[in-house]
Amino acid sequence: MSEFKRIPPEQAQALREKGAVVVDIRDPQSFAAGHISGAQHLDNYSLPDFIAKADMDGPVIVACYHGNSSQSAAAYLVGQGFSDVYSLDGGFELWRSTYPQDTESSQAD
């Protein structure tokens, strides 16, 4: 059984450029306020649908606030059969400071 890998924003960015799926497990309000460009919000309600439609062999990057909760979620995805899972070290906070140009908001100004 494979394990997830912890990666810094730079490695996550390289994977995104190769087509990795980014999932954000923060609460809906935080996701709406700002998230990694192209990220999908994932919660207990959307998780079954995501798993049903996902490419189990494609790379998936899990992001949270600071890189702690994403490790549990990444381990869960591995347990569900995903083979290429990453936890974003530093979470969205580090991503936002590293790649401010690659963040977006769902809220209307």
Protein backbone atom coordinates (compact mmCIF):
# COMPACT_ATOMS: atom_id res chain seq x y z
CA MET A 1 0.00 0.00 0.00
CA SER A 2 1.40 3.39 -0.92
CA GLU A 3 1.75 6.30 1.47
CA PHE A 4 1.14 9.97 0.87
CA LYS A 5 4.09 12.34 0.58
CA ARG A 6 4.55 15.74 2.22
CA ILE A 7 5.70 18.34 -0.29
CA PRO A 8 6.56 22.06 -0.21
CA PRO A 9 4.70 24.61 -2.36
CA GLU A 10 7.42 24.57 -5.01
CA GLN A 11 6.98 20.85 -5.63
CA ALA A 12 3.21 21.22 -5.52
CA GLN A 13 3.40 23.95 -8.16
CA ALA A 14 5.45 21.68 -10.44
CA LEU A 15 2.86 18.91 -10.02
CA ARG A 16 0.01 21.36 -10.74
CA GLU A 17 1.72 22.31 -14.00
CA LYS A 18 1.68 18.59 -14.92
CA GLY A 19 -2.05 18.29 -14.21
CA ALA A 20 -2.27 17.35 -10.54
CA VAL A 21 -5.66 17.86 -8.91
CA VAL A 22 -5.63 20.18 -5.88
CA VAL A 23 -8.26 19.62 -3.19
CA ASP A 24 -8.80 22.06 -0.32
CA ILE A 25 -10.30 20.66 2.89
CA ARG A 26 -10.69 23.94 4.79
CA ASP A 27 -14.13 25.19 5.78
CA PRO A 28 -16.31 26.68 3.00
CA GLN A 29 -15.89 30.28 4.22
CA SER A 30 -12.09 30.04 4.20
CA PHE A 31 -12.13 28.41 0.77
CA ALA A 32 -14.40 31.17 -0.56
CA ALA A 33 -12.12 33.86 0.88
CA GLY A 34 -9.11 32.45 -0.96
CA HIS A 35 -7.70 29.21 -2.32
CA ILE A 36 -5.12 27.80 -4.72
CA SER A 37 -6.17 28.58 -8.28
CA GLY A 38 -8.17 25.70 -9.72
CA ALA A 39 -8.53 23.89 -6.38
CA GLN A 40 -11.68 21.91 -5.62
CA HIS A 41 -13.30 22.30 -2.23
CA LEU A 42 -13.66 18.94 -0.53
CA ASP A 43 -15.77 18.22 2.54
CA ASN A 44 -17.75 15.31 3.95
CA TYR A 45 -20.59 16.04 1.49
CA SER A 46 -18.53 16.29 -1.69
CA LEU A 47 -16.03 13.55 -0.82
CA PRO A 48 -18.01 10.50 -2.08
CA ASP A 49 -18.67 12.18 -5.43
CA PHE A 50 -15.03 13.24 -5.74
CA ILE A 51 -13.83 9.68 -5.05
CA ALA A 52 -16.35 8.22 -7.51
CA LYS A 53 -15.21 10.50 -10.36
CA ALA A 54 -11.49 10.85 -9.62
CA ASP A 55 -8.57 9.31 -11.45
CA MET A 56 -7.25 7.05 -8.67
CA ASP A 57 -3.79 6.97 -10.27
CA GLY A 58 -3.50 10.69 -10.99
CA PRO A 59 -1.65 12.99 -8.60
CA VAL A 60 -3.79 14.63 -5.89
CA ILE A 61 -2.51 17.43 -3.65
CA VAL A 62 -4.40 17.99 -0.39
CA ALA A 63 -4.29 21.49 1.12
CA CYS A 64 -5.55 22.79 4.47
CA TYR A 65 -4.66 25.84 6.59
CA HIS A 66 -1.10 25.02 7.69
CA GLY A 67 -0.38 21.48 6.47
CA ASN A 68 -1.58 19.46 9.48
CA SER A 69 -5.16 18.37 8.69
CA SER A 70 -4.19 17.65 5.10
CA GLN A 71 -1.98 14.79 6.27
CA SER A 72 -4.96 12.94 7.74
CA ALA A 73 -7.02 13.62 4.62
CA ALA A 74 -4.17 12.47 2.37
CA ALA A 75 -3.84 9.25 4.38
CA TYR A 76 -7.60 8.73 4.02
CA LEU A 77 -7.42 9.12 0.22
CA VAL A 78 -4.57 6.59 0.08
CA GLY A 79 -6.78 4.25 2.09
CA GLN A 80 -9.54 4.74 -0.48
CA GLY A 81 -7.26 3.55 -3.28
CA PHE A 82 -5.55 6.71 -4.53
CA SER A 83 -1.96 5.89 -5.46
CA ASP A 84 -0.31 9.33 -5.86
CA VAL A 85 -1.31 11.60 -2.96
CA TYR A 86 0.51 14.61 -1.51
CA SER A 87 -0.02 16.78 1.56
CA LEU A 88 0.93 20.43 1.05
CA ASP A 89 3.43 21.41 3.75
CA GLY A 90 2.60 24.83 5.17
CA GLY A 91 -0.91 24.58 3.73
CA PHE A 92 -2.70 27.42 2.04
CA GLU A 93 -1.01 30.02 4.26
CA LEU A 94 2.47 29.15 2.97
CA TRP A 95 1.14 28.73 -0.59
CA ARG A 96 -0.41 32.22 -0.50
CA SER A 97 2.86 33.81 0.61
CA THR A 98 4.89 31.79 -1.93
CA TYR A 99 2.52 32.06 -4.94
CA PRO A 100 0.16 35.02 -4.40
CA GLN A 101 -0.44 35.12 -8.17
CA ASP A 102 -1.81 31.56 -8.02
CA THR A 103 -4.56 32.18 -5.50
CA GLU A 104 -8.13 33.11 -6.21
CA SER A 105 -11.27 34.04 -4.32
CA SER A 106 -14.82 32.78 -4.79
CA GLN A 107 -16.28 35.92 -3.28
CA ALA A 108 -17.56 38.75 -5.44
CA ASP A 109 -15.94 42.10 -4.71
